[in-house]
């Protein structure tokens, strides 16, 4: 049989600017329909999980099914507070960029539930090796807002001393490993740290986040291999927000299979989870922790979500996707979903939500004002001395000479 050559296949998204948003490729099983297996069973018995979707909140905002996490109501309120705080910060910093107060910013809009839930479920000594859309990890753990704004403004009080870009945070005391713009490094760093923790017989856990696009890079393979071989106590997460800047997830293989299915080649469990469902994220994370505690090593989790805003302040998503596509995303908005669930169980109200939003806005405004008093981008900066500090344990002749030439 002669097969006619059809040319190179290039994946294309279902909708482009001007089209009607189309998410028909996404199959959504009913909330609560996926069974929760014991976390200590063999990986070979778990190979159906990458091909479904773990959901807890149903369309009536009720938590259902075996994956219902064991969480105190206050954890849900804290999660809502952290997500709302992140969203308010994002809006204010986006405007600050437009006002020339910072050089760069990236919003977390639509993805807040992932790091909010994990930050609150994991222990204070656990460490996240996360991406730049994970501010909610810090807001959930009470990171000082003035320090946050000082770094974004790159002013004289920048806790990174001018050595990091805005949004590339580092906060060891809050379980937040120095952020890298090269997301592929996250898995390698997390697995290495987790291996070291295991070697020291510590019970600490690493959690890492990369995007769907990064899963196509070699760093992903290396991290997964080491995690498998050494049974590293790590939770390795692919945040499938459908876009790697302007390249849609099909370029990384989303049209062929799920990202969670990549786990099958490495012999570790792969979970596929509704990333806009705070309870589902918490439940999957708790399951992965239980598996680690049983000595069975890492879990790969794909969180299905949607990047509702631009990739960054340097991006215009209307150039490559429908302008109103986020409003059509079938898994909804994570903040709104958790709010509605709390109201449905009589643990929240619209009035309390409005009050919380006003309180957070005032707190954030005050912290921003304090940081702006120190200075915004170009108006205030860390001392030049910081360029020469922390390079070597003992400054060698080159650093000494460069500092002398700089006159400091």
Protein backbone atom coordinates (compact mmCIF):
# COMPACT_ATOMS: atom_id res chain seq x y z
CA UNK A 1 0.00 0.00 0.00
CA UNK A 2 1.33 3.43 -0.92
CA UNK A 3 0.83 6.07 1.75
CA UNK A 4 0.75 9.60 0.39
CA UNK A 5 2.96 12.04 2.30
CA UNK A 6 0.76 14.68 3.89
CA UNK A 7 3.41 17.10 5.10
CA UNK A 8 4.41 18.23 8.55
CA UNK A 9 1.66 18.28 11.15
CA UNK A 10 1.57 21.44 13.24
CA UNK A 11 -0.97 21.51 16.09
CA UNK A 12 -3.34 24.46 16.11
CA UNK A 13 -5.64 25.67 18.89
CA UNK A 14 -9.39 25.24 18.58
CA UNK A 15 -10.00 28.99 18.44
CA UNK A 16 -8.07 32.07 17.39
CA UNK A 17 -8.84 35.81 17.77
CA UNK A 18 -12.31 36.53 16.47
CA UNK A 19 -13.47 32.94 16.88
CA UNK A 20 -15.95 31.63 19.42
CA UNK A 21 -14.01 30.08 22.34
CA UNK A 22 -14.03 26.29 22.01
CA UNK A 23 -13.15 23.97 24.90
CA UNK A 24 -14.94 20.91 23.52
CA UNK A 25 -11.69 18.92 23.63
CA UNK A 26 -11.84 18.97 27.43
CA UNK A 27 -13.80 16.00 28.78
CA UNK A 28 -15.18 16.61 32.28
CA UNK A 29 -16.28 13.62 34.34
CA UNK A 30 -18.85 14.40 37.01
CA UNK A 31 -17.54 15.70 40.32
CA UNK A 32 -17.09 12.85 42.77
CA UNK A 33 -17.15 10.16 40.07
CA UNK A 34 -13.46 9.23 40.36
CA UNK A 35 -12.63 6.79 43.12
CA UNK A 36 -9.84 7.50 45.60
CA UNK A 37 -7.46 4.53 45.76
CA UNK A 38 -5.37 3.81 48.82
CA UNK A 39 -2.18 5.85 48.49
CA UNK A 40 0.06 2.88 49.29
CA UNK A 41 -0.99 0.50 46.51
CA UNK A 42 1.27 -0.39 43.59
CA UNK A 43 1.68 2.15 40.81
CA UNK A 44 0.58 -0.51 38.31
CA UNK A 45 -2.90 -0.35 39.87
CA UNK A 46 -3.16 3.41 39.38
CA UNK A 47 -2.65 3.73 35.64
CA UNK A 48 -6.22 4.76 34.90
CA UNK A 49 -5.91 7.99 36.90
CA UNK A 50 -4.02 10.08 34.30
CA UNK A 51 -6.95 9.70 31.91
CA UNK A 52 -9.71 11.10 34.06
CA UNK A 53 -10.13 14.26 36.15
CA UNK A 54 -10.39 14.43 39.93
CA UNK A 55 -13.12 16.89 40.93
CA UNK A 56 -14.72 17.55 44.31
CA UNK A 57 -17.00 20.60 43.86
CA UNK A 58 -20.05 19.91 41.73
CA UNK A 59 -22.18 22.37 39.76
CA UNK A 60 -24.27 23.09 42.88
CA UNK A 61 -21.09 24.05 44.80
CA UNK A 62 -21.36 20.91 46.97
CA UNK A 63 -18.28 18.85 47.84
CA UNK A 64 -18.87 15.23 46.83
CA UNK A 65 -17.07 11.92 46.37
CA UNK A 66 -14.21 9.97 47.89
CA UNK A 67 -11.64 12.71 47.28
CA UNK A 68 -13.28 15.07 49.76
CA UNK A 69 -10.27 16.36 51.74
CA UNK A 70 -10.06 16.46 55.51
CA UNK A 71 -9.84 20.19 56.06
CA UNK A 72 -10.98 22.47 58.84
CA UNK A 73 -13.42 25.15 57.67
CA UNK A 74 -10.89 27.79 58.70
CA UNK A 75 -8.46 26.40 56.12
CA UNK A 76 -11.08 27.05 53.44
CA UNK A 77 -11.58 30.59 54.67
CA UNK A 78 -7.81 31.12 54.79
CA UNK A 79 -7.56 29.81 51.24
CA UNK A 80 -10.25 32.19 50.04
CA UNK A 81 -8.52 35.08 51.80
CA UNK A 82 -5.14 34.24 50.24
CA UNK A 83 -6.57 33.93 46.74
CA UNK A 84 -8.52 37.17 47.05
CA UNK A 85 -5.44 38.95 48.38
CA UNK A 86 -3.39 37.73 45.43
CA UNK A 87 -6.01 38.93 42.98
CA UNK A 88 -6.11 42.41 44.53
CA UNK A 89 -2.31 42.62 44.55
CA UNK A 90 -2.22 41.54 40.92
CA UNK A 91 -4.66 44.24 39.86
CA UNK A 92 -2.78 46.96 41.73
CA UNK A 93 0.64 45.87 40.47
CA UNK A 94 -0.62 45.63 36.90
CA UNK A 95 -1.72 49.26 37.20
CA UNK A 96 1.59 50.15 38.87
CA UNK A 97 3.41 48.78 35.84
CA UNK A 98 1.28 50.90 33.53
CA UNK A 99 2.17 53.90 35.72
CA UNK A 100 5.90 53.19 35.29
CA UNK A 101 6.44 52.13 38.91
CA UNK A 102 7.87 48.71 38.06
CA UNK A 103 9.53 47.15 35.05
CA UNK A 104 7.61 43.90 34.83
CA UNK A 105 4.76 41.93 36.39
CA UNK A 106 2.95 38.60 36.00
CA UNK A 107 -0.56 37.91 37.27
CA UNK A 108 -1.82 34.62 38.75
CA UNK A 109 -5.42 35.19 37.64
CA UNK A 110 -7.24 31.87 37.29
CA UNK A 111 -4.54 29.74 38.90
CA UNK A 112 -4.66 30.91 42.52
CA UNK A 113 -6.21 27.74 43.99
CA UNK A 114 -3.22 25.54 43.22
CA UNK A 115 -0.59 27.16 45.41
CA UNK A 116 -3.14 28.42 47.93
CA UNK A 117 -4.31 24.90 48.74
CA UNK A 118 -0.84 23.38 48.69
CA UNK A 119 0.61 26.12 50.87
CA UNK A 120 -2.03 25.48 53.51
CA UNK A 121 -1.96 21.66 53.30
CA UNK A 122 1.81 21.17 53.36
CA UNK A 123 3.91 21.67 56.47
CA UNK A 124 5.83 24.82 57.42
CA UNK A 125 9.17 23.06 56.80
CA UNK A 126 8.23 21.78 53.35
CA UNK A 127 9.63 23.69 50.38
CA UNK A 128 8.07 24.81 47.12
CA UNK A 129 10.08 25.13 43.92
CA UNK A 130 7.46 27.01 42.07
CA UNK A 131 6.74 29.14 39.04
CA UNK A 132 6.18 32.86 38.72
CA UNK A 133 2.39 32.49 38.97
CA UNK A 134 2.47 31.28 42.57
CA UNK A 135 2.12 34.41 44.67
CA UNK A 136 -0.71 32.76 46.58
CA UNK A 137 1.78 30.45 48.33
CA UNK A 138 3.21 33.57 49.97
CA UNK A 139 -0.08 35.33 50.69
CA UNK A 140 -1.36 32.14 52.34
CA UNK A 141 1.68 32.08 54.62
CA UNK A 142 1.66 35.74 55.61
CA UNK A 143 4.68 36.99 53.70
CA UNK A 144 5.19 40.71 54.52
CA UNK A 145 3.50 42.76 51.83
CA UNK A 146 5.93 45.65 52.11
CA UNK A 147 8.83 43.29 51.34
CA UNK A 148 6.87 42.00 48.35
CA UNK A 149 6.32 45.50 46.97
CA UNK A 150 9.88 46.58 47.69
CA UNK A 151 11.13 43.80 45.43
CA UNK A 152 8.59 44.54 42.72
CA UNK A 153 9.68 48.19 42.76
CA UNK A 154 13.40 47.20 42.96
CA UNK A 155 13.97 49.95 45.51
CA UNK A 156 16.58 50.45 48.22
CA UNK A 157 14.75 48.08 50.57
CA UNK A 158 14.40 45.27 48.02
CA UNK A 159 14.90 42.06 50.06
CA UNK A 160 16.66 40.54 47.02
CA UNK A 161 19.06 43.53 46.95
CA UNK A 162 18.46 44.04 43.24
CA UNK A 163 19.59 40.54 42.29
CA UNK A 164 16.24 39.25 41.06
CA UNK A 165 13.59 40.46 38.64
CA UNK A 166 10.24 41.59 39.98
CA UNK A 167 8.00 38.55 40.80
CA UNK A 168 11.00 36.20 41.06
CA UNK A 169 10.61 35.91 44.82
CA UNK A 170 12.74 34.08 47.36
CA UNK A 171 11.56 33.46 50.91
CA UNK A 172 13.20 30.51 52.63
CA UNK A 173 11.44 31.16 55.94
CA UNK A 174 8.12 30.78 54.13
CA UNK A 175 9.05 27.55 52.33
CA UNK A 176 9.56 29.36 49.02
CA UNK A 177 12.77 28.42 47.18
CA UNK A 178 14.34 31.14 45.01
CA UNK A 179 12.24 31.47 41.89
CA UNK A 180 13.79 31.03 38.46
CA UNK A 181 12.49 32.29 35.15
CA UNK A 182 13.83 29.04 33.68
CA UNK A 183 10.97 26.83 34.85
CA UNK A 184 12.62 23.61 33.72
CA UNK A 185 15.05 23.96 36.61
CA UNK A 186 12.21 23.59 39.12
CA UNK A 187 11.98 19.80 38.89
CA UNK A 188 15.72 19.26 39.14
CA UNK A 189 16.10 21.58 42.11
CA UNK A 190 13.08 20.11 43.89
CA UNK A 191 14.12 16.50 43.39
CA UNK A 192 17.70 17.22 44.47
CA UNK A 193 16.46 19.00 47.59
CA UNK A 194 14.04 16.15 48.32
CA UNK A 195 16.80 13.57 47.91
CA UNK A 196 18.95 15.53 50.35
CA UNK A 197 16.07 15.66 52.83
CA UNK A 198 15.64 11.89 52.57
CA UNK A 199 19.39 11.33 52.93
CA UNK A 200 19.30 13.34 56.17
CA UNK A 201 16.29 11.26 57.33
CA UNK A 202 14.16 14.39 57.44
CA UNK A 203 10.41 14.17 56.85
CA UNK A 204 10.38 17.35 54.72
CA UNK A 205 8.69 17.32 51.31
CA UNK A 206 9.43 19.27 48.14
CA UNK A 207 6.71 20.43 45.77
CA UNK A 208 7.57 21.74 42.30
CA UNK A 209 5.56 23.48 39.60
CA UNK A 210 6.25 23.78 35.89
CA UNK A 211 3.97 24.73 33.02
CA UNK A 212 2.61 22.52 30.26
CA UNK A 213 5.21 23.85 27.82
CA UNK A 214 8.11 23.09 30.15
CA UNK A 215 7.07 19.43 30.29
CA UNK A 216 8.48 19.15 26.76
CA UNK A 217 12.00 20.09 27.91
CA UNK A 218 14.85 17.80 28.90
CA UNK A 219 14.88 19.09 32.48
CA UNK A 220 11.50 17.42 32.97
CA UNK A 221 12.89 14.01 31.98
CA UNK A 222 15.95 14.34 34.19
CA UNK A 223 13.92 15.37 37.23
CA UNK A 224 11.41 12.56 36.73
CA UNK A 225 14.14 9.97 36.32
CA UNK A 226 15.90 10.92 39.55
CA UNK A 227 12.57 11.18 41.40
CA UNK A 228 11.68 7.65 40.29
CA UNK A 229 15.02 5.95 40.89
CA UNK A 230 15.60 7.46 44.33
CA UNK A 231 11.95 7.57 45.45
CA UNK A 232 12.37 11.25 46.25
CA UNK A 233 9.81 12.74 48.67
CA UNK A 234 8.55 15.19 46.05
CA UNK A 235 5.22 16.25 44.58
CA UNK A 236 5.88 17.22 40.97
CA UNK A 237 3.18 19.38 39.40
CA UNK A 238 2.46 20.34 35.81
CA UNK A 239 0.23 23.41 35.79
CA UNK A 240 -1.60 22.96 32.51
CA UNK A 241 -2.98 26.46 32.00
CA UNK A 242 -3.37 25.77 28.25
CA UNK A 243 -0.70 28.25 27.13
CA UNK A 244 3.10 28.52 27.15
CA UNK A 245 3.23 32.27 26.52
CA UNK A 246 1.56 32.34 23.07
CA UNK A 247 2.03 28.65 22.21
CA UNK A 248 -0.97 26.55 23.09
CA UNK A 249 -0.57 23.30 25.02
CA UNK A 250 -0.88 21.12 21.91
CA UNK A 251 2.67 22.12 20.96
CA UNK A 252 3.79 20.24 24.11
CA UNK A 253 1.63 17.20 23.30
CA UNK A 254 -1.76 17.97 24.88
CA UNK A 255 -3.63 16.80 21.77
CA UNK A 256 -2.02 13.36 21.95
CA UNK A 257 -2.55 12.46 25.61
CA UNK A 258 -2.76 14.05 29.03
CA UNK A 259 0.26 15.54 30.77
CA UNK A 260 -0.44 13.31 33.76
CA UNK A 261 0.11 10.31 31.46
CA UNK A 262 3.78 11.24 31.22
CA UNK A 263 4.10 9.67 34.68
CA UNK A 264 3.48 6.19 33.22
CA UNK A 265 6.88 6.07 31.55
CA UNK A 266 8.62 6.61 34.87
CA UNK A 267 6.67 4.24 37.10
CA UNK A 268 5.21 6.91 39.36
CA UNK A 269 1.51 7.69 39.88
CA UNK A 270 -0.01 10.36 37.68
CA UNK A 271 -3.02 12.31 38.91
CA UNK A 272 -5.07 14.69 36.77
CA UNK A 273 -6.89 17.25 38.87
CA UNK A 274 -9.29 20.17 38.46
CA UNK A 275 -6.89 23.00 39.25
CA UNK A 276 -9.70 25.50 39.76
CA UNK A 277 -11.19 23.41 42.58
CA UNK A 278 -9.46 24.31 45.87
CA UNK A 279 -10.74 21.13 47.53
CA UNK A 280 -9.59 18.85 44.71
CA UNK A 281 -6.11 20.40 44.78
CA UNK A 282 -5.91 19.91 48.55
CA UNK A 283 -7.16 16.31 48.28
CA UNK A 284 -4.64 15.31 45.61
CA UNK A 285 -1.83 16.93 47.57
CA UNK A 286 -2.84 15.08 50.75
CA UNK A 287 -2.90 11.79 48.81
CA UNK A 288 0.61 12.43 47.44
CA UNK A 289 1.85 13.25 50.96
CA UNK A 290 0.39 9.99 52.29
CA UNK A 291 2.18 8.07 49.55
CA UNK A 292 5.46 9.75 50.42
CA UNK A 293 4.94 8.92 54.11
CA UNK A 294 4.47 5.28 53.07
CA UNK A 295 7.96 5.36 51.55
CA UNK A 296 6.74 5.12 47.95
CA UNK A 297 8.23 8.34 46.62
CA UNK A 298 7.03 10.94 44.18
CA UNK A 299 3.71 11.64 42.48
CA UNK A 300 3.18 13.62 39.27
CA UNK A 301 0.08 15.82 39.29
CA UNK A 302 -1.37 17.65 36.29
CA UNK A 303 -3.52 20.57 37.41
CA UNK A 304 -5.96 21.51 34.65
CA UNK A 305 -6.57 25.24 34.81
CA UNK A 306 -6.61 28.33 32.60
CA UNK A 307 -4.37 31.35 32.43
CA UNK A 308 -7.10 33.96 32.49
CA UNK A 309 -4.79 36.97 31.98
CA UNK A 310 -1.84 37.79 29.78
CA UNK A 311 1.36 35.81 30.23
CA UNK A 312 2.96 38.97 31.57
CA UNK A 313 2.87 42.74 31.17
CA UNK A 314 4.90 42.15 27.97
CA UNK A 315 2.17 40.02 26.39
CA UNK A 316 -1.11 40.71 24.57
CA UNK A 317 -3.19 37.49 24.51
CA UNK A 318 -5.78 39.00 22.17
CA UNK A 319 -3.21 38.48 19.41
CA UNK A 320 -3.46 34.68 19.66
CA UNK A 321 -6.72 33.70 21.42
CA UNK A 322 -10.32 34.95 21.65
CA UNK A 323 -10.60 38.01 23.86
CA UNK A 324 -13.34 36.53 26.05
CA UNK A 325 -12.11 32.94 26.23
CA UNK A 326 -11.49 32.93 30.01
CA UNK A 327 -15.18 33.65 30.60
CA UNK A 328 -16.02 30.44 28.72
CA UNK A 329 -13.55 28.21 30.57
CA UNK A 330 -15.72 25.26 31.72
CA UNK A 331 -13.99 24.86 35.11
CA UNK A 332 -14.88 28.39 36.16
CA UNK A 333 -13.03 30.77 38.44
CA UNK A 334 -11.27 29.34 41.54
CA UNK A 335 -12.03 32.29 43.80
CA UNK A 336 -15.70 32.36 42.89
CA UNK A 337 -16.06 28.58 43.23
CA UNK A 338 -14.63 28.44 46.75
CA UNK A 339 -16.67 31.47 47.77
CA UNK A 340 -19.89 29.84 46.52
CA UNK A 341 -19.07 26.58 48.28
CA UNK A 342 -18.56 28.32 51.61
CA UNK A 343 -21.83 30.20 51.15
CA UNK A 344 -23.60 26.94 50.26
CA UNK A 345 -22.54 25.37 53.56
CA UNK A 346 -23.44 28.51 55.55
CA UNK A 347 -19.83 29.35 56.37
CA UNK A 348 -19.66 32.56 54.35
CA UNK A 349 -21.86 35.26 52.83
CA UNK A 350 -21.76 37.89 50.13
CA UNK A 351 -21.67 40.57 52.83
CA UNK A 352 -18.62 39.01 54.53
CA UNK A 353 -16.92 38.69 51.16
CA UNK A 354 -17.40 42.37 50.37
CA UNK A 355 -16.10 43.27 53.83
CA UNK A 356 -13.03 41.04 53.41
CA UNK A 357 -12.29 42.52 50.01
CA UNK A 358 -12.44 46.04 51.47
CA UNK A 359 -10.19 45.10 54.39
CA UNK A 360 -7.62 43.44 52.14
CA UNK A 361 -7.66 46.35 49.71
CA UNK A 362 -6.88 48.77 52.53
CA UNK A 363 -4.10 46.57 53.91
CA UNK A 364 -2.53 46.19 50.48
CA UNK A 365 -2.88 49.90 49.72
CA UNK A 366 -1.09 50.81 52.96
CA UNK A 367 1.77 48.39 52.27
CA UNK A 368 2.13 49.66 48.72
CA UNK A 369 2.20 53.25 49.95
CA UNK A 370 4.94 52.36 52.43
CA UNK A 371 7.03 50.77 49.68
CA UNK A 372 6.46 53.67 47.29
CA UNK A 373 7.71 56.06 49.99
CA UNK A 374 11.05 54.25 49.75
CA UNK A 375 10.92 54.48 45.98
CA UNK A 376 9.71 52.86 42.77
CA UNK A 377 11.71 51.65 39.78
CA UNK A 378 14.51 54.06 38.97
CA UNK A 379 13.67 56.37 41.89
CA UNK A 380 15.46 54.29 44.51
CA UNK A 381 17.75 51.28 44.24
CA UNK A 382 19.89 48.99 46.40
CA UNK A 383 23.42 50.14 47.11
CA UNK A 384 26.02 49.31 44.45
CA UNK A 385 28.01 47.64 47.21
CA UNK A 386 25.55 44.74 46.97
CA UNK A 387 27.01 43.88 43.55
CA UNK A 388 30.17 42.68 45.25
CA UNK A 389 28.71 41.00 48.30
CA UNK A 390 27.86 37.31 48.43
CA UNK A 391 29.85 36.46 45.29
CA UNK A 392 32.54 34.46 47.08
CA UNK A 393 32.90 33.45 50.71
CA UNK A 394 36.18 35.40 50.74
CA UNK A 395 36.47 38.12 48.02
CA UNK A 396 39.22 37.28 45.55
CA UNK A 397 41.45 39.82 43.79
CA UNK A 398 39.02 40.33 40.89
CA UNK A 399 36.14 41.35 43.12
CA UNK A 400 38.43 43.59 45.16
CA UNK A 401 39.77 45.26 42.00
CA UNK A 402 36.33 45.74 40.48
CA UNK A 403 35.08 47.29 43.67
CA UNK A 404 38.08 49.64 43.77
CA UNK A 405 37.43 50.68 40.15
CA UNK A 406 33.81 51.41 41.05
CA UNK A 407 35.01 53.66 43.85
CA UNK A 408 33.14 51.79 46.58
